[in-house]
Structure formats: C-alpha cells, structure tokens
Amino acid sequence: MPHRRRGGAVERPAPLGRESGTPPDPASAVVFLLASALSWTTGAVLSVDGGLMADRNS
C-alpha cells in the first residue's frame, strides 16, 4: 500500500495491516490493565498502536 501525505507527515498503514484502529482496540487494553491479575504490575508501557512503534525504523 502506498504512503499518503496528510498535512506535513507521511501516513502509512500500521504493520498489522489496517490503516487505523477501532474503538475496541484501546478498550481491550483498558480491560486488560484493569484486570485483578495485574495488581502487582508496575511501570509497564502498553503500546496500542498496531505495531507502529515496533516498525518505526522501517
């Protein structure tokens, strides 16, 4: 899929194959973070970006 320009930035699809997320994507992350099994989790970063940060050097 070709890159598109939006404003001054080049827009490209996320590595997971969709151009943008949907409301259930971050909502699922919130449900995960609110789970009682994570009561001892601290200092974690959860990126909900379709893999854009993992693929930023491409």
N, C-alpha and C. Protein backbone atom coordinates (compact mmCIF):
# COMPACT_ATOMS: atom_id res chain seq x y z
N MET A 1 0.84 -1.17 0.00
CA MET A 1 0.00 0.00 0.00
C MET A 1 0.89 1.24 0.00
N PRO A 2 0.62 2.19 -0.88
CA PRO A 2 1.47 3.38 -0.96
C PRO A 2 1.26 4.28 0.26
N HIS A 3 2.31 5.05 0.57
CA HIS A 3 2.22 6.02 1.65
C HIS A 3 1.42 7.23 1.15
N ARG A 4 0.66 7.83 2.04
CA ARG A 4 -0.10 9.03 1.69
C ARG A 4 0.41 10.20 2.52
N ARG A 5 0.26 11.39 2.00
CA ARG A 5 0.63 12.59 2.74
C ARG A 5 -0.62 13.15 3.41
N ARG A 6 -0.48 13.50 4.68
CA ARG A 6 -1.55 14.17 5.41
C ARG A 6 -0.89 15.31 6.16
N GLY A 7 -1.23 16.52 5.80
CA GLY A 7 -0.55 17.68 6.38
C GLY A 7 0.91 17.63 5.94
N GLY A 8 1.84 17.69 6.90
CA GLY A 8 3.26 17.62 6.57
C GLY A 8 3.84 16.25 6.78
N ALA A 9 3.02 15.30 7.28
CA ALA A 9 3.54 13.98 7.61
C ALA A 9 3.16 12.95 6.55
N VAL A 10 3.97 11.93 6.45
CA VAL A 10 3.66 10.81 5.56
C VAL A 10 2.88 9.79 6.37
N GLU A 11 1.73 9.43 5.88
CA GLU A 11 0.88 8.48 6.58
C GLU A 11 1.05 7.12 5.92
N ARG A 12 1.23 6.08 6.72
CA ARG A 12 1.35 4.73 6.19
C ARG A 12 0.53 3.79 7.06
N PRO A 13 0.12 2.67 6.51
CA PRO A 13 -0.67 1.74 7.30
C PRO A 13 0.16 1.12 8.42
N ALA A 14 -0.50 0.75 9.48
CA ALA A 14 0.18 0.07 10.59
C ALA A 14 0.65 -1.30 10.13
N PRO A 15 1.72 -1.84 10.72
CA PRO A 15 2.23 -3.14 10.33
C PRO A 15 1.22 -4.28 10.46
N LEU A 16 0.19 -4.09 11.29
CA LEU A 16 -0.81 -5.15 11.43
C LEU A 16 -1.80 -5.18 10.28
N GLY A 17 -1.64 -4.28 9.30
CA GLY A 17 -2.42 -4.38 8.08
C GLY A 17 -3.64 -3.49 7.99
N ARG A 18 -3.96 -2.74 9.04
CA ARG A 18 -5.10 -1.83 8.97
C ARG A 18 -4.58 -0.41 9.03
N GLU A 19 -5.30 0.52 8.41
CA GLU A 19 -4.84 1.90 8.42
C GLU A 19 -5.08 2.59 9.75
N SER A 20 -6.09 2.16 10.48
CA SER A 20 -6.34 2.78 11.78
C SER A 20 -7.03 1.77 12.69
N GLY A 21 -6.95 2.05 13.96
CA GLY A 21 -7.60 1.19 14.93
C GLY A 21 -9.07 1.51 15.05
N THR A 22 -9.75 0.73 15.83
CA THR A 22 -11.16 0.93 16.10
C THR A 22 -11.33 1.10 17.60
N PRO A 23 -12.44 1.66 18.06
CA PRO A 23 -12.63 1.85 19.50
C PRO A 23 -12.42 0.60 20.36
N PRO A 24 -12.76 -0.60 19.90
CA PRO A 24 -12.49 -1.77 20.74
C PRO A 24 -11.00 -2.06 20.97
N ASP A 25 -10.13 -1.53 20.12
CA ASP A 25 -8.69 -1.80 20.29
C ASP A 25 -8.16 -1.21 21.60
N PRO A 26 -8.26 0.09 21.84
CA PRO A 26 -7.80 0.60 23.13
C PRO A 26 -8.69 0.15 24.29
N ALA A 27 -9.97 -0.08 24.03
CA ALA A 27 -10.86 -0.54 25.10
C ALA A 27 -10.40 -1.90 25.62
N SER A 28 -9.95 -2.77 24.75
CA SER A 28 -9.44 -4.08 25.18
C SER A 28 -8.19 -3.92 26.05
N ALA A 29 -7.36 -2.95 25.72
CA ALA A 29 -6.16 -2.69 26.53
C ALA A 29 -6.55 -2.20 27.92
N VAL A 30 -7.57 -1.35 28.00
CA VAL A 30 -8.04 -0.86 29.29
C VAL A 30 -8.58 -2.00 30.13
N VAL A 31 -9.38 -2.88 29.53
CA VAL A 31 -9.91 -4.04 30.26
C VAL A 31 -8.76 -4.90 30.77
N PHE A 32 -7.74 -5.10 29.95
CA PHE A 32 -6.57 -5.88 30.36
C PHE A 32 -5.88 -5.23 31.56
N LEU A 33 -5.68 -3.91 31.49
CA LEU A 33 -4.98 -3.21 32.57
C LEU A 33 -5.78 -3.16 33.86
N LEU A 34 -7.09 -3.25 33.78
CA LEU A 34 -7.94 -3.22 34.97
C LEU A 34 -8.13 -4.60 35.60
N ALA A 35 -7.61 -5.63 34.97
CA ALA A 35 -7.77 -6.99 35.49
C ALA A 35 -7.10 -7.13 36.85
N SER A 36 -7.75 -7.83 37.75
CA SER A 36 -7.20 -8.02 39.10
C SER A 36 -5.90 -8.83 39.07
N ALA A 37 -5.67 -9.60 38.03
CA ALA A 37 -4.44 -10.38 37.92
C ALA A 37 -3.22 -9.46 37.76
N LEU A 38 -3.43 -8.21 37.40
CA LEU A 38 -2.33 -7.27 37.20
C LEU A 38 -2.08 -6.39 38.42
N SER A 39 -2.58 -6.77 39.57
CA SER A 39 -2.47 -5.92 40.75
C SER A 39 -1.02 -5.66 41.16
N TRP A 40 -0.08 -6.49 40.76
CA TRP A 40 1.33 -6.29 41.12
C TRP A 40 2.14 -5.76 39.95
N THR A 41 1.51 -5.40 38.87
CA THR A 41 2.21 -4.87 37.71
C THR A 41 2.44 -3.37 37.90
N THR A 42 3.69 -2.95 37.78
CA THR A 42 4.02 -1.53 37.87
C THR A 42 5.02 -1.17 36.79
N GLY A 43 5.00 0.06 36.36
CA GLY A 43 6.00 0.56 35.43
C GLY A 43 5.96 -0.06 34.05
N ALA A 44 4.83 -0.57 33.63
CA ALA A 44 4.73 -1.18 32.31
C ALA A 44 4.22 -0.16 31.29
N VAL A 45 4.69 -0.27 30.06
CA VAL A 45 4.19 0.56 28.97
C VAL A 45 3.50 -0.38 28.00
N LEU A 46 2.26 -0.09 27.72
CA LEU A 46 1.48 -0.92 26.80
C LEU A 46 1.14 -0.05 25.59
N SER A 47 1.79 -0.30 24.49
CA SER A 47 1.53 0.47 23.27
C SER A 47 0.37 -0.16 22.51
N VAL A 48 -0.64 0.63 22.26
CA VAL A 48 -1.80 0.17 21.48
C VAL A 48 -1.77 0.99 20.19
N ASP A 49 -0.85 0.59 19.30
CA ASP A 49 -0.61 1.39 18.09
C ASP A 49 -0.52 0.56 16.82
N GLY A 50 -0.96 -0.68 16.87
CA GLY A 50 -0.94 -1.51 15.68
C GLY A 50 0.45 -1.91 15.22
N GLY A 51 1.45 -1.73 16.07
CA GLY A 51 2.81 -2.09 15.73
C GLY A 51 3.65 -0.95 15.16
N LEU A 52 3.11 0.27 15.14
CA LEU A 52 3.85 1.39 14.55
C LEU A 52 5.17 1.66 15.25
N MET A 53 5.20 1.62 16.57
CA MET A 53 6.45 1.87 17.30
C MET A 53 7.47 0.74 17.07
N ALA A 54 7.01 -0.46 16.95
CA ALA A 54 7.91 -1.59 16.72
C ALA A 54 8.53 -1.51 15.32
N ASP A 55 7.83 -0.88 14.39
CA ASP A 55 8.24 -0.81 12.98
C ASP A 55 8.76 0.58 12.61
N ARG A 56 9.12 1.41 13.59
CA ARG A 56 9.46 2.81 13.32
C ARG A 56 10.75 3.00 12.55
N ASN A 57 11.62 2.01 12.49
CA ASN A 57 12.90 2.16 11.77
C ASN A 57 12.82 1.69 10.33
N SER A 58 11.64 1.31 9.88
CA SER A 58 11.50 0.83 8.51
C SER A 58 11.38 1.98 7.54
